[in-house]
Amino acid sequence: MAGSREAKDELFEGLASVAKALGNGHRAEIVDVLAQGERSVEDIATEIAQSVANTSHHLRSLARAGLVTTRRDGTRIFYRLASERVSELWSAMRDVAAAHVTDLEQLAAAYLGSRDGVEEITRAELEDRLRIGDVIVLDVRPTPEFTAGHVRGARSVPISELRHHLRALPHNTEVVAYCRGPYCVYANDAVLQLAKHGYRASRLQDGYPEWRGEGRPVAVGEA
């Protein structure tokens, strides 16, 4: 019957299924990875330090809630977020947690380490400076994420390879690093490494998904 308690309960259970799917740290981390672009099950498992079996279980939960979609390429299965709205939901969850979870700042500091010496640049300022051409931008995420999408004009230099690229960077130009978002450690590490070797360096205030979400210039594919 229309308007019944049972029907309303079922409706709100359906709405809550999205929150239930995200109510696990590993699944939240998977969404953070997929906000960068499509990845294979094996790649995701490596990123979240879980077995392929456990990762597949989490991905199935996200798929049942309609948060991710799949495609098959031969024997490999690739996942991506179902829409940009899922990325927006994840960003909103982070913002709410940052504002209302009492110890989140301490948890972030324990993971990210000291940010002393890590200067930040806003998205608007970075776009202006890219237009002028007086800055070098490094995407320090893993290569597959750069290929899936990156700040237009950025160079792909995964954090694990940064030290091998230092000689190619001119010392007279400021370097800006970016990675996945505000809780990604790669950009902080890059700035500290660059500063240690005498470069003027800063990090984008958050990461690629926020840049893309504002409609700023992006590119897809290898540099």
Protein backbone atom coordinates (compact mmCIF):
# COMPACT_ATOMS: atom_id res chain seq x y z
CA MET A 1 0.00 0.00 0.00
CA ALA A 2 1.29 3.48 -0.90
CA GLY A 3 2.76 5.32 2.09
CA SER A 4 3.08 2.19 4.24
CA ARG A 5 5.71 1.89 6.96
CA GLU A 6 7.12 -1.23 5.31
CA ALA A 7 7.57 0.51 1.97
CA LYS A 8 9.22 3.51 3.64
CA ASP A 9 11.60 1.25 5.57
CA GLU A 10 12.61 -0.48 2.35
CA LEU A 11 13.12 2.87 0.61
CA PHE A 12 15.45 4.15 3.29
CA GLU A 13 17.30 0.84 3.46
CA GLY A 14 17.90 1.26 -0.27
CA LEU A 15 19.20 4.77 0.27
CA ALA A 16 21.41 3.62 3.14
CA SER A 17 22.95 0.86 1.00
CA VAL A 18 25.36 3.43 -0.43
CA ALA A 19 26.57 4.40 3.04
CA LYS A 20 26.84 0.73 4.01
CA ALA A 21 29.04 0.03 0.98
CA LEU A 22 31.37 2.85 2.01
CA GLY A 23 31.29 1.88 5.68
CA ASN A 24 34.64 0.07 5.51
CA GLY A 25 38.10 1.58 5.42
CA HIS A 26 39.38 -0.62 2.59
CA ARG A 27 36.36 0.14 0.42
CA ALA A 28 36.74 3.86 1.11
CA GLU A 29 40.39 3.61 0.05
CA ILE A 30 39.35 1.79 -3.14
CA VAL A 31 37.01 4.67 -4.00
CA ASP A 32 39.90 7.09 -3.36
CA VAL A 33 42.07 5.12 -5.82
CA LEU A 34 39.32 4.86 -8.44
CA ALA A 35 38.65 8.60 -8.18
CA GLN A 36 41.95 8.89 -10.08
CA GLY A 37 40.76 6.66 -12.93
CA GLU A 38 40.15 3.07 -13.98
CA ARG A 39 42.32 0.34 -12.45
CA SER A 40 42.54 -3.44 -12.65
CA VAL A 41 41.70 -5.64 -9.68
CA GLU A 42 45.37 -6.58 -9.33
CA ASP A 43 46.47 -2.93 -9.31
CA ILE A 44 43.87 -2.02 -6.72
CA ALA A 45 44.91 -4.95 -4.51
CA THR A 46 48.51 -3.72 -4.61
CA GLU A 47 47.49 -0.14 -3.78
CA ILE A 48 45.43 -1.11 -0.72
CA ALA A 49 47.82 -3.87 0.42
CA GLN A 50 45.17 -6.60 0.29
CA SER A 51 44.93 -9.94 -1.46
CA VAL A 52 43.19 -10.08 -4.83
CA ALA A 53 40.47 -12.23 -3.23
CA ASN A 54 39.76 -9.70 -0.46
CA THR A 55 39.91 -6.82 -2.92
CA SER A 56 37.44 -8.56 -5.24
CA HIS A 57 35.07 -9.04 -2.29
CA HIS A 58 35.17 -5.31 -1.50
CA LEU A 59 34.70 -4.41 -5.16
CA ARG A 60 31.64 -6.64 -5.40
CA SER A 61 30.13 -4.81 -2.42
CA LEU A 62 30.73 -1.47 -4.12
CA ALA A 63 29.28 -2.82 -7.37
CA ARG A 64 26.11 -4.07 -5.65
CA ALA A 65 25.57 -0.55 -4.33
CA GLY A 66 25.99 0.81 -7.85
CA LEU A 67 29.14 2.77 -6.99
CA VAL A 68 31.51 1.07 -9.46
CA THR A 69 31.24 -0.49 -12.90
CA THR A 70 33.45 -3.04 -14.65
CA ARG A 71 34.81 -3.98 -18.03
CA ARG A 72 36.73 -7.07 -19.09
CA ASP A 73 39.88 -7.04 -21.22
CA GLY A 74 40.82 -10.66 -21.91
CA THR A 75 41.26 -12.30 -18.53
CA ARG A 76 41.60 -9.01 -16.64
CA ILE A 77 38.75 -7.09 -15.02
CA PHE A 78 38.93 -3.31 -14.71
CA TYR A 79 36.88 -1.16 -12.35
CA ARG A 80 35.93 2.49 -12.43
CA LEU A 81 33.60 4.74 -10.47
CA ALA A 82 30.05 4.61 -11.81
CA SER A 83 29.91 8.40 -12.26
CA GLU A 84 31.53 11.67 -11.24
CA ARG A 85 28.85 11.92 -8.55
CA VAL A 86 30.52 9.03 -6.69
CA SER A 87 33.77 11.01 -6.61
CA GLU A 88 31.82 14.02 -5.36
CA LEU A 89 30.25 11.86 -2.64
CA TRP A 90 33.67 10.68 -1.51
CA SER A 91 34.93 14.27 -1.41
CA ALA A 92 31.90 15.33 0.64
CA MET A 93 32.44 12.44 3.08
CA ARG A 94 36.04 13.54 3.60
CA ASP A 95 34.97 17.13 4.20
CA VAL A 96 32.33 16.10 6.76
CA ALA A 97 34.81 13.83 8.53
CA ALA A 98 37.43 16.60 8.63
CA ALA A 99 34.89 18.98 10.16
CA HIS A 100 33.22 16.65 12.65
CA VAL A 101 35.41 13.63 13.50
CA THR A 102 37.25 14.71 16.62
CA ASP A 103 40.56 12.94 16.16
CA LEU A 104 40.78 12.98 12.35
CA GLU A 105 43.45 15.66 12.33
CA GLN A 106 45.62 13.54 14.63
CA LEU A 107 45.00 10.46 12.48
CA ALA A 108 45.99 12.39 9.35
CA ALA A 109 49.12 13.73 11.02
CA ALA A 110 50.14 10.23 12.11
CA TYR A 111 49.94 9.06 8.50
CA LEU A 112 51.16 12.14 6.61
CA GLY A 113 53.90 13.06 9.06
CA SER A 114 55.10 16.60 9.67
CA ARG A 115 54.06 19.14 7.06
CA ASP A 116 56.68 21.63 8.19
CA GLY A 117 58.37 22.98 5.09
CA VAL A 118 55.57 21.81 2.78
CA GLU A 119 54.05 24.89 1.17
CA GLU A 120 50.75 24.69 -0.72
CA ILE A 121 49.45 26.38 -3.84
CA THR A 122 45.78 26.81 -4.71
CA ARG A 123 44.19 25.37 -7.84
CA ALA A 124 43.44 28.85 -9.20
CA GLU A 125 47.02 30.01 -8.69
CA LEU A 126 48.46 26.89 -10.30
CA GLU A 127 46.21 27.27 -13.36
CA ASP A 128 47.33 30.90 -13.74
CA ARG A 129 50.99 29.96 -13.46
CA LEU A 130 50.63 27.10 -15.94
CA ARG A 131 49.13 29.59 -18.37
CA ILE A 132 52.12 31.89 -17.87
CA GLY A 133 54.56 28.97 -18.03
CA ASP A 134 56.70 29.84 -15.01
CA VAL A 135 56.25 26.56 -13.13
CA ILE A 136 57.00 22.85 -13.58
CA VAL A 137 54.20 20.53 -12.45
CA LEU A 138 54.93 16.95 -11.41
CA ASP A 139 52.25 14.29 -11.15
CA VAL A 140 53.75 11.94 -8.56
CA ARG A 141 50.96 9.34 -8.64
CA PRO A 142 51.51 5.88 -10.18
CA THR A 143 51.77 5.95 -13.99
CA PRO A 144 48.35 4.30 -14.67
CA GLU A 145 46.65 7.13 -12.80
CA PHE A 146 48.50 9.76 -14.82
CA THR A 147 47.51 7.98 -18.04
CA ALA A 148 43.85 7.89 -16.97
CA GLY A 149 43.86 11.66 -16.52
CA HIS A 150 46.15 14.44 -15.31
CA VAL A 151 46.60 18.18 -15.00
CA ARG A 152 47.26 19.47 -18.51
CA GLY A 153 50.95 20.33 -18.78
CA ALA A 154 52.07 18.07 -15.93
CA ARG A 155 54.92 15.58 -16.17
CA SER A 156 54.53 12.01 -14.93
CA VAL A 157 57.16 11.39 -12.26
CA PRO A 158 55.95 8.68 -9.82
CA ILE A 159 57.28 9.36 -6.34
CA SER A 160 59.33 6.14 -6.43
CA GLU A 161 61.20 7.51 -9.47
CA LEU A 162 61.63 11.13 -8.44
CA ARG A 163 65.29 10.95 -7.48
CA HIS A 164 66.14 9.65 -10.97
CA HIS A 165 64.56 12.73 -12.57
CA LEU A 166 66.15 15.44 -10.42
CA ARG A 167 68.96 16.25 -12.84
CA ALA A 168 66.43 17.00 -15.57
CA LEU A 169 64.70 19.68 -13.48
CA PRO A 170 66.07 23.23 -13.75
CA HIS A 171 66.84 24.87 -10.41
CA ASN A 172 65.62 28.29 -11.55
CA THR A 173 61.96 27.24 -11.92
CA GLU A 174 59.58 26.46 -9.08
CA VAL A 175 58.24 22.90 -8.99
CA VAL A 176 54.70 21.99 -7.91
CA ALA A 177 53.83 18.38 -7.08
CA TYR A 178 50.38 16.87 -6.79
CA CYS A 179 48.89 13.45 -6.12
CA ARG A 180 45.50 11.97 -5.19
CA GLY A 181 44.11 14.46 -2.72
CA PRO A 182 44.54 16.01 0.73
CA TYR A 183 45.35 12.68 2.40
CA CYS A 184 47.89 11.50 -0.16
CA VAL A 185 51.45 11.42 1.15
CA TYR A 186 53.20 11.35 -2.25
CA ALA A 187 53.08 15.10 -2.87
CA ASN A 188 54.40 15.90 0.62
CA ASP A 189 57.29 13.47 0.12
CA ALA A 190 58.05 14.99 -3.27
CA VAL A 191 58.19 18.55 -1.90
CA LEU A 192 60.52 17.50 0.92
CA GLN A 193 62.81 15.63 -1.48
CA LEU A 194 62.91 18.55 -3.89
CA ALA A 195 63.63 21.06 -1.13
CA LYS A 196 66.45 18.86 0.17
CA HIS A 197 68.09 19.12 -3.25
CA GLY A 198 67.77 22.88 -3.44
CA TYR A 199 64.55 23.29 -5.45
CA ARG A 200 61.79 25.76 -4.71
CA ALA A 201 58.85 23.41 -4.35
CA SER A 202 55.25 23.32 -3.18
CA ARG A 203 52.27 20.98 -3.44
CA LEU A 204 48.81 21.50 -4.86
CA GLN A 205 46.43 22.05 -1.96
CA ASP A 206 44.62 18.77 -2.63
CA GLY A 207 44.86 16.61 -5.76
CA TYR A 208 43.84 15.67 -9.27
CA PRO A 209 40.15 14.77 -8.58
CA GLU A 210 39.50 18.21 -7.08
CA TRP A 211 41.25 19.89 -10.03
CA ARG A 212 39.17 17.87 -12.51
CA GLY A 213 36.00 18.42 -10.51
CA GLU A 214 36.31 22.19 -10.93
CA GLY A 215 36.55 21.83 -14.69
CA ARG A 216 40.17 22.94 -14.90
CA PRO A 217 42.34 21.84 -17.88
CA VAL A 218 43.08 18.11 -17.96
CA ALA A 219 44.61 15.68 -20.42
CA VAL A 220 44.39 11.92 -20.88
CA GLY A 221 47.08 9.49 -22.00
CA GLU A 222 50.84 9.42 -21.77
CA ALA A 223 52.84 12.62 -21.77
